[in-house]
Amino acid sequence: MLDTIFRGIFDADMAAVIPVSDFLLCVGCALLIGLILAGAYICGAKYTRSFVATLALLPAVVCVVIMMVNGNVGTGVAVAGAFSLVRFRSVPGSAKEIGAIFLAMCSGLVAGMGYLAYALLSALILGGIMLAYTRMGFGARKNAARYKTLHITIPEDLDYSGVFDKILGEYASEYEVVQVKTTNMGSLFKLTYHLTLKDLEKEKELIDALRCRNGNLEIAMSRQETMIGEL
């Protein structure tokens, strides 16, 4: 009775129909995998509630899609084209978030093909490795706190070419100008430097020296961000 209800109206008599019990088993396994991956991500990284909820549900979604394709090449091409049009309507995620999404999709794909043991095993192994890498600080830059981004405002009548070289050379081992722009209707310039401090304890001393040179206008010092959007 159930197999008749869940048969597609366009299915031929010879077409294989996925039993309801197998469908529920695969979806349940995919949901369990999603919870495992979401738990590993929660333990090892900063997260938002919406992201971990999506991560927990994504393997089941992919699993259902793969089961519905069920060997149909035309449907598979259509699904691939539909997925290629999907974009997150938010700020682009970090490399870690994108990696977690691909891992969830991979596990859901394996579960949808019926290899439930492999899906669980891969989720446990790769989720554990992801958590271990995060806890170990794998790939973190050494002395990351010494890398700073400096935003400094100067009056328009002050020539910004090399104006702070002497001060920065004293407190920073490396520095470079990465951006120059006007502000306040063109009456001020705002310079952006990337620099590496020699001594973190002299950060305030550096800012005080810069204030004396730029007429006590606005100065901001922050952690240096990568230029490739965290990827």
C-alpha atoms as a PDB file:
ATOM      1  CA  MET A   1       0.000   0.000   0.000  1.00  0.00           C
ATOM      2  CA  LEU A   2       2.731   2.482   1.010  1.00  0.00           C
ATOM      3  CA  ASP A   3       4.823   1.655  -2.057  1.00  0.00           C
ATOM      4  CA  THR A   4       1.800   2.455  -4.247  1.00  0.00           C
ATOM      5  CA  ILE A   5       1.178   5.789  -2.502  1.00  0.00           C
ATOM      6  CA  PHE A   6       4.776   6.928  -2.851  1.00  0.00           C
ATOM      7  CA  ARG A   7       5.199   5.808  -6.473  1.00  0.00           C
ATOM      8  CA  GLY A   8       5.709   8.717  -8.883  1.00  0.00           C
ATOM      9  CA  ILE A   9       2.883   9.371 -11.325  1.00  0.00           C
ATOM     10  CA  PHE A  10       5.395   9.356 -14.199  1.00  0.00           C
ATOM     11  CA  ASP A  11       7.167   6.159 -13.097  1.00  0.00           C
ATOM     12  CA  ALA A  12       7.061   3.219 -15.486  1.00  0.00           C
ATOM     13  CA  ASP A  13       6.071  -0.234 -14.276  1.00  0.00           C
ATOM     14  CA  MET A  14       9.697  -1.366 -14.468  1.00  0.00           C
ATOM     15  CA  ALA A  15      11.049   1.638 -12.532  1.00  0.00           C
ATOM     16  CA  ALA A  16      12.491   0.838  -9.111  1.00  0.00           C
ATOM     17  CA  VAL A  17      10.678   2.469  -6.214  1.00  0.00           C
ATOM     18  CA  ILE A  18      12.573   3.178  -2.977  1.00  0.00           C
ATOM     19  CA  PRO A  19      10.812   1.409  -0.090  1.00  0.00           C
ATOM     20  CA  VAL A  20       9.504   3.762   2.575  1.00  0.00           C
ATOM     21  CA  SER A  21      11.476   1.944   5.269  1.00  0.00           C
ATOM     22  CA  ASP A  22      14.745   2.448   3.357  1.00  0.00           C
ATOM     23  CA  PHE A  23      13.868   6.099   2.715  1.00  0.00           C
ATOM     24  CA  LEU A  24      13.252   6.754   6.412  1.00  0.00           C
ATOM     25  CA  LEU A  25      16.420   4.849   7.374  1.00  0.00           C
ATOM     26  CA  CYS A  26      18.585   6.934   5.028  1.00  0.00           C
ATOM     27  CA  VAL A  27      17.031  10.243   6.097  1.00  0.00           C
ATOM     28  CA  GLY A  28      17.369   9.329   9.785  1.00  0.00           C
ATOM     29  CA  CYS A  29      21.014   8.400   9.265  1.00  0.00           C
ATOM     30  CA  ALA A  30      21.611  11.696   7.422  1.00  0.00           C
ATOM     31  CA  LEU A  31      20.003  13.650  10.267  1.00  0.00           C
ATOM     32  CA  LEU A  32      22.268  11.858  12.758  1.00  0.00           C
ATOM     33  CA  ILE A  33      25.286  12.734  10.601  1.00  0.00           C
ATOM     34  CA  GLY A  34      24.151  16.357  10.542  1.00  0.00           C
ATOM     35  CA  LEU A  35      23.982  16.442  14.329  1.00  0.00           C
ATOM     36  CA  ILE A  36      27.486  14.946  14.566  1.00  0.00           C
ATOM     37  CA  LEU A  37      28.960  17.526  12.187  1.00  0.00           C
ATOM     38  CA  ALA A  38      27.097  20.413  13.824  1.00  0.00           C
ATOM     39  CA  GLY A  39      28.313  19.292  17.245  1.00  0.00           C
ATOM     40  CA  ALA A  40      31.907  19.106  16.012  1.00  0.00           C
ATOM     41  CA  TYR A  41      31.619  22.594  14.534  1.00  0.00           C
ATOM     42  CA  ILE A  42      30.080  24.034  17.715  1.00  0.00           C
ATOM     43  CA  CYS A  43      32.914  22.656  19.842  1.00  0.00           C
ATOM     44  CA  GLY A  44      35.660  24.029  17.633  1.00  0.00           C
ATOM     45  CA  ALA A  45      34.622  27.367  16.171  1.00  0.00           C
ATOM     46  CA  LYS A  46      32.548  30.509  16.560  1.00  0.00           C
ATOM     47  CA  TYR A  47      29.097  29.997  15.117  1.00  0.00           C
ATOM     48  CA  THR A  48      25.635  31.397  14.650  1.00  0.00           C
ATOM     49  CA  ARG A  49      22.436  29.569  15.489  1.00  0.00           C
ATOM     50  CA  SER A  50      21.178  29.684  11.903  1.00  0.00           C
ATOM     51  CA  PHE A  51      24.423  28.251  10.521  1.00  0.00           C
ATOM     52  CA  VAL A  52      24.588  25.204  12.818  1.00  0.00           C
ATOM     53  CA  ALA A  53      20.869  24.539  12.245  1.00  0.00           C
ATOM     54  CA  THR A  54      21.497  24.567   8.493  1.00  0.00           C
ATOM     55  CA  LEU A  55      24.574  22.378   8.908  1.00  0.00           C
ATOM     56  CA  ALA A  56      22.547  19.825  10.892  1.00  0.00           C
ATOM     57  CA  LEU A  57      19.816  19.703   8.232  1.00  0.00           C
ATOM     58  CA  LEU A  58      21.953  19.864   5.077  1.00  0.00           C
ATOM     59  CA  PRO A  59      22.990  16.159   4.919  1.00  0.00           C
ATOM     60  CA  ALA A  60      19.335  15.078   5.047  1.00  0.00           C
ATOM     61  CA  VAL A  61      18.413  17.543   2.286  1.00  0.00           C
ATOM     62  CA  VAL A  62      21.195  16.292   0.009  1.00  0.00           C
ATOM     63  CA  CYS A  63      20.323  12.686   0.894  1.00  0.00           C
ATOM     64  CA  VAL A  64      16.707  13.145  -0.210  1.00  0.00           C
ATOM     65  CA  VAL A  65      17.769  14.829  -3.452  1.00  0.00           C
ATOM     66  CA  ILE A  66      20.178  12.005  -4.308  1.00  0.00           C
ATOM     67  CA  MET A  67      17.557   9.343  -3.570  1.00  0.00           C
ATOM     68  CA  MET A  68      15.047  11.125  -5.779  1.00  0.00           C
ATOM     69  CA  VAL A  69      17.542  11.302  -8.653  1.00  0.00           C
ATOM     70  CA  ASN A  70      17.940   7.516  -8.291  1.00  0.00           C
ATOM     71  CA  GLY A  71      20.051   6.950 -11.396  1.00  0.00           C
ATOM     72  CA  ASN A  72      18.129   9.327 -13.672  1.00  0.00           C
ATOM     73  CA  VAL A  73      20.817  11.199 -15.618  1.00  0.00           C
ATOM     74  CA  GLY A  74      18.471  13.942 -16.812  1.00  0.00           C
ATOM     75  CA  THR A  75      17.211  14.635 -13.313  1.00  0.00           C
ATOM     76  CA  GLY A  76      20.771  14.631 -12.005  1.00  0.00           C
ATOM     77  CA  VAL A  77      21.815  17.300 -14.528  1.00  0.00           C
ATOM     78  CA  ALA A  78      18.761  19.404 -13.626  1.00  0.00           C
ATOM     79  CA  VAL A  79      19.534  19.150  -9.910  1.00  0.00           C
ATOM     80  CA  ALA A  80      23.173  20.149 -10.495  1.00  0.00           C
ATOM     81  CA  GLY A  81      22.012  23.176 -12.469  1.00  0.00           C
ATOM     82  CA  ALA A  82      19.554  24.171  -9.751  1.00  0.00           C
ATOM     83  CA  PHE A  83      22.203  23.914  -7.021  1.00  0.00           C
ATOM     84  CA  SER A  84      24.582  26.037  -9.082  1.00  0.00           C
ATOM     85  CA  LEU A  85      22.066  28.903  -8.955  1.00  0.00           C
ATOM     86  CA  VAL A  86      21.750  28.857  -5.158  1.00  0.00           C
ATOM     87  CA  ARG A  87      23.629  31.643  -3.372  1.00  0.00           C
ATOM     88  CA  PHE A  88      23.722  32.581   0.283  1.00  0.00           C
ATOM     89  CA  ARG A  89      22.016  35.954   0.664  1.00  0.00           C
ATOM     90  CA  SER A  90      24.384  37.091   3.384  1.00  0.00           C
ATOM     91  CA  VAL A  91      28.002  37.961   4.002  1.00  0.00           C
ATOM     92  CA  PRO A  92      30.322  35.381   2.354  1.00  0.00           C
ATOM     93  CA  GLY A  93      31.371  32.731   4.834  1.00  0.00           C
ATOM     94  CA  SER A  94      34.852  31.896   5.997  1.00  0.00           C
ATOM     95  CA  ALA A  95      36.854  29.009   4.584  1.00  0.00           C
ATOM     96  CA  LYS A  96      36.001  26.972   7.687  1.00  0.00           C
ATOM     97  CA  GLU A  97      32.259  27.441   7.158  1.00  0.00           C
ATOM     98  CA  ILE A  98      32.504  26.555   3.468  1.00  0.00           C
ATOM     99  CA  GLY A  99      34.497  23.435   4.350  1.00  0.00           C
ATOM    100  CA  ALA A 100      31.848  22.381   6.885  1.00  0.00           C
ATOM    101  CA  ILE A 101      29.114  22.851   4.272  1.00  0.00           C
ATOM    102  CA  PHE A 102      30.970  20.719   1.716  1.00  0.00           C
ATOM    103  CA  LEU A 103      31.547  18.046   4.353  1.00  0.00           C
ATOM    104  CA  ALA A 104      27.837  17.970   5.195  1.00  0.00           C
ATOM    105  CA  MET A 105      26.899  17.769   1.509  1.00  0.00           C
ATOM    106  CA  CYS A 106      29.398  14.959   0.928  1.00  0.00           C
ATOM    107  CA  SER A 107      28.039  12.947   3.856  1.00  0.00           C
ATOM    108  CA  GLY A 108      24.470  13.479   2.671  1.00  0.00           C
ATOM    109  CA  LEU A 109      25.422  12.355  -0.840  1.00  0.00           C
ATOM    110  CA  VAL A 110      26.982   9.144   0.456  1.00  0.00           C
ATOM    111  CA  ALA A 111      23.926   8.451   2.632  1.00  0.00           C
ATOM    112  CA  GLY A 112      21.610   9.117  -0.291  1.00  0.00           C
ATOM    113  CA  MET A 113      23.451   6.507  -2.356  1.00  0.00           C
ATOM    114  CA  GLY A 114      22.696   3.967   0.370  1.00  0.00           C
ATOM    115  CA  TYR A 115      26.145   3.596   1.932  1.00  0.00           C
ATOM    116  CA  LEU A 116      25.009   4.433   5.448  1.00  0.00           C
ATOM    117  CA  ALA A 117      27.985   2.895   7.268  1.00  0.00           C
ATOM    118  CA  TYR A 118      30.430   4.779   5.051  1.00  0.00           C
ATOM    119  CA  ALA A 119      28.475   7.995   5.552  1.00  0.00           C
ATOM    120  CA  LEU A 120      28.600   7.664   9.346  1.00  0.00           C
ATOM    121  CA  LEU A 121      32.264   6.628   9.311  1.00  0.00           C
ATOM    122  CA  SER A 122      33.317   9.514   7.064  1.00  0.00           C
ATOM    123  CA  ALA A 123      31.346  12.001   9.173  1.00  0.00           C
ATOM    124  CA  LEU A 124      32.964  10.750  12.389  1.00  0.00           C
ATOM    125  CA  ILE A 125      36.490  10.739  10.955  1.00  0.00           C
ATOM    126  CA  LEU A 126      36.361  14.043   9.061  1.00  0.00           C
ATOM    127  CA  GLY A 127      34.335  15.784  11.779  1.00  0.00           C
ATOM    128  CA  GLY A 128      36.857  14.630  14.364  1.00  0.00           C
ATOM    129  CA  ILE A 129      39.758  15.830  12.239  1.00  0.00           C
ATOM    130  CA  MET A 130      38.073  19.200  11.733  1.00  0.00           C
ATOM    131  CA  LEU A 131      37.627  19.535  15.493  1.00  0.00           C
ATOM    132  CA  ALA A 132      41.210  18.433  16.205  1.00  0.00           C
ATOM    133  CA  TYR A 133      42.667  20.925  13.694  1.00  0.00           C
ATOM    134  CA  THR A 134      40.673  23.729  15.277  1.00  0.00           C
ATOM    135  CA  ARG A 135      41.697  22.817  18.824  1.00  0.00           C
ATOM    136  CA  MET A 136      45.362  22.516  17.782  1.00  0.00           C
ATOM    137  CA  GLY A 137      45.302  25.926  16.106  1.00  0.00           C
ATOM    138  CA  PHE A 138      46.484  24.319  12.868  1.00  0.00           C
ATOM    139  CA  GLY A 139      47.535  26.936  10.303  1.00  0.00           C
ATOM    140  CA  ALA A 140      47.567  29.851  12.758  1.00  0.00           C
ATOM    141  CA  ARG A 141      50.172  32.513  12.092  1.00  0.00           C
ATOM    142  CA  LYS A 142      52.970  32.791  14.611  1.00  0.00           C
ATOM    143  CA  ASN A 143      52.975  36.050  16.577  1.00  0.00           C
ATOM    144  CA  ALA A 144      49.642  37.003  14.971  1.00  0.00           C
ATOM    145  CA  ALA A 145      49.070  39.722  17.582  1.00  0.00           C
ATOM    146  CA  ARG A 146      52.019  41.699  16.194  1.00  0.00           C
ATOM    147  CA  TYR A 147      50.370  42.111  12.777  1.00  0.00           C
ATOM    148  CA  LYS A 148      48.283  45.300  12.841  1.00  0.00           C
ATOM    149  CA  THR A 149      46.252  47.516  10.539  1.00  0.00           C
ATOM    150  CA  LEU A 150      46.664  51.234  11.231  1.00  0.00           C
ATOM    151  CA  HIS A 151      44.116  53.843  10.119  1.00  0.00           C
ATOM    152  CA  ILE A 152      45.351  57.392  10.578  1.00  0.00           C
ATOM    153  CA  THR A 153      43.727  60.698   9.584  1.00  0.00           C
ATOM    154  CA  ILE A 154      45.791  63.692   8.534  1.00  0.00           C
ATOM    155  CA  PRO A 155      44.917  67.243   7.376  1.00  0.00           C
ATOM    156  CA  GLU A 156      44.875  67.898   3.644  1.00  0.00           C
ATOM    157  CA  ASP A 157      47.812  70.321   3.775  1.00  0.00           C
ATOM    158  CA  LEU A 158      50.139  67.621   5.178  1.00  0.00           C
ATOM    159  CA  ASP A 159      52.063  65.690   2.529  1.00  0.00           C
ATOM    160  CA  TYR A 160      51.399  62.040   3.348  1.00  0.00           C
ATOM    161  CA  SER A 161      54.332  60.706   1.296  1.00  0.00           C
ATOM    162  CA  GLY A 162      56.703  59.276   3.886  1.00  0.00           C
ATOM    163  CA  VAL A 163      55.339  61.547   6.615  1.00  0.00           C
ATOM    164  CA  PHE A 164      55.305  58.732   9.223  1.00  0.00           C
ATOM    165  CA  ASP A 165      58.278  56.707   7.981  1.00  0.00           C
ATOM    166  CA  LYS A 166      60.602  57.748  10.786  1.00  0.00           C
ATOM    167  CA  ILE A 167      58.067  56.936  13.524  1.00  0.00           C
ATOM    168  CA  LEU A 168      56.934  53.654  11.990  1.00  0.00           C
ATOM    169  CA  GLY A 169      60.513  52.579  11.349  1.00  0.00           C
ATOM    170  CA  GLU A 170      61.217  52.941  15.050  1.00  0.00           C
ATOM    171  CA  TYR A 171      58.276  50.858  16.299  1.00  0.00           C
ATOM    172  CA  ALA A 172      57.576  48.468  13.390  1.00  0.00           C
ATOM    173  CA  SER A 173      59.826  45.936  11.714  1.00  0.00           C
ATOM    174  CA  GLU A 174      57.753  46.136   8.503  1.00  0.00           C
ATOM    175  CA  TYR A 175      55.114  48.550   7.246  1.00  0.00           C
ATOM    176  CA  GLU A 176      53.450  49.578   4.003  1.00  0.00           C
ATOM    177  CA  VAL A 177      50.692  51.920   2.829  1.00  0.00           C
ATOM    178  CA  VAL A 178      47.792  49.884   1.438  1.00  0.00           C
ATOM    179  CA  GLN A 179      45.170  52.618   0.973  1.00  0.00           C
ATOM    180  CA  VAL A 180      44.860  56.385   0.722  1.00  0.00           C
ATOM    181  CA  LYS A 181      41.471  58.090   0.567  1.00  0.00           C
ATOM    182  CA  THR A 182      39.908  61.465   1.259  1.00  0.00           C
ATOM    183  CA  THR A 183      37.276  62.034   3.919  1.00  0.00           C
ATOM    184  CA  ASN A 184      35.214  64.854   5.444  1.00  0.00           C
ATOM    185  CA  MET A 185      34.367  66.405   2.045  1.00  0.00           C
ATOM    186  CA  GLY A 186      37.991  66.198   0.934  1.00  0.00           C
ATOM    187  CA  SER A 187      39.384  68.243   3.822  1.00  0.00           C
ATOM    188  CA  LEU A 188      41.168  65.242   5.352  1.00  0.00           C
ATOM    189  CA  PHE A 189      43.155  62.241   4.183  1.00  0.00           C
ATOM    190  CA  LYS A 190      42.832  58.793   5.731  1.00  0.00           C
ATOM    191  CA  LEU A 191      45.843  56.486   5.379  1.00  0.00           C
ATOM    192  CA  THR A 192      45.785  52.727   5.967  1.00  0.00           C
ATOM    193  CA  TYR A 193      48.979  50.881   6.856  1.00  0.00           C
ATOM    194  CA  HIS A 194      49.762  47.215   7.353  1.00  0.00           C
ATOM    195  CA  LEU A 195      52.563  46.885   9.853  1.00  0.00           C
ATOM    196  CA  THR A 196      54.363  44.411  12.089  1.00  0.00           C
ATOM    197  CA  LEU A 197      55.114  45.717  15.557  1.00  0.00           C
ATOM    198  CA  LYS A 198      58.518  45.103  17.110  1.00  0.00           C
ATOM    199  CA  ASP A 199      57.163  45.214  20.659  1.00  0.00           C
ATOM    200  CA  LEU A 200      53.460  44.866  21.566  1.00  0.00           C
ATOM    201  CA  GLU A 201      53.995  46.712  24.836  1.00  0.00           C
ATOM    202  CA  LYS A 202      54.929  49.881  22.924  1.00  0.00           C
ATOM    203  CA  GLU A 203      51.680  50.107  20.965  1.00  0.00           C
ATOM    204  CA  LYS A 204      50.372  53.040  23.030  1.00  0.00           C
ATOM    205  CA  GLU A 205      53.734  54.782  22.723  1.00  0.00           C
ATOM    206  CA  LEU A 206      53.484  54.456  18.933  1.00  0.00           C
ATOM    207  CA  ILE A 207      49.968  55.905  18.887  1.00  0.00           C
ATOM    208  CA  ASP A 208      51.059  58.857  21.058  1.00  0.00           C
ATOM    209  CA  ALA A 209      53.939  59.594  18.685  1.00  0.00           C
ATOM    210  CA  LEU A 210      51.580  59.480  15.693  1.00  0.00           C
ATOM    211  CA  ARG A 211      49.104  61.814  17.435  1.00  0.00           C
ATOM    212  CA  CYS A 212      51.808  64.436  17.816  1.00  0.00           C
ATOM    213  CA  ARG A 213      52.532  64.200  14.090  1.00  0.00           C
ATOM    214  CA  ASN A 214      48.964  64.204  12.703  1.00  0.00           C
ATOM    215  CA  GLY A 215      47.580  67.021  14.849  1.00  0.00           C
ATOM    216  CA  ASN A 216      45.741  64.715  17.272  1.00  0.00           C
ATOM    217  CA  LEU A 217      43.241  63.602  14.616  1.00  0.00           C
ATOM    218  CA  GLU A 218      41.623  60.179  14.575  1.00  0.00           C
ATOM    219  CA  ILE A 219      43.858  57.080  14.783  1.00  0.00           C
ATOM    220  CA  ALA A 220      42.657  53.465  14.848  1.00  0.00           C
ATOM    221  CA  MET A 221      44.707  50.297  15.363  1.00  0.00           C
ATOM    222  CA  SER A 222      43.202  46.860  14.744  1.00  0.00           C
ATOM    223  CA  ARG A 223      44.155  43.269  14.104  1.00  0.00           C
ATOM    224  CA  GLN A 224      45.346  42.782  10.563  1.00  0.00           C
ATOM    225  CA  GLU A 225      42.885  40.948   8.345  1.00  0.00           C
ATOM    226  CA  THR A 226      43.956  38.814   5.413  1.00  0.00           C
ATOM    227  CA  MET A 227      43.428  40.340   1.978  1.00  0.00           C
ATOM    228  CA  ILE A 228      41.720  37.254   0.526  1.00  0.00           C
ATOM    229  CA  GLY A 229      38.505  37.237   2.522  1.00  0.00           C
ATOM    230  CA  GLU A 230      39.524  34.474   4.962  1.00  0.00           C
ATOM    231  CA  LEU A 231      39.961  31.882   2.187  1.00  0.00           C
END
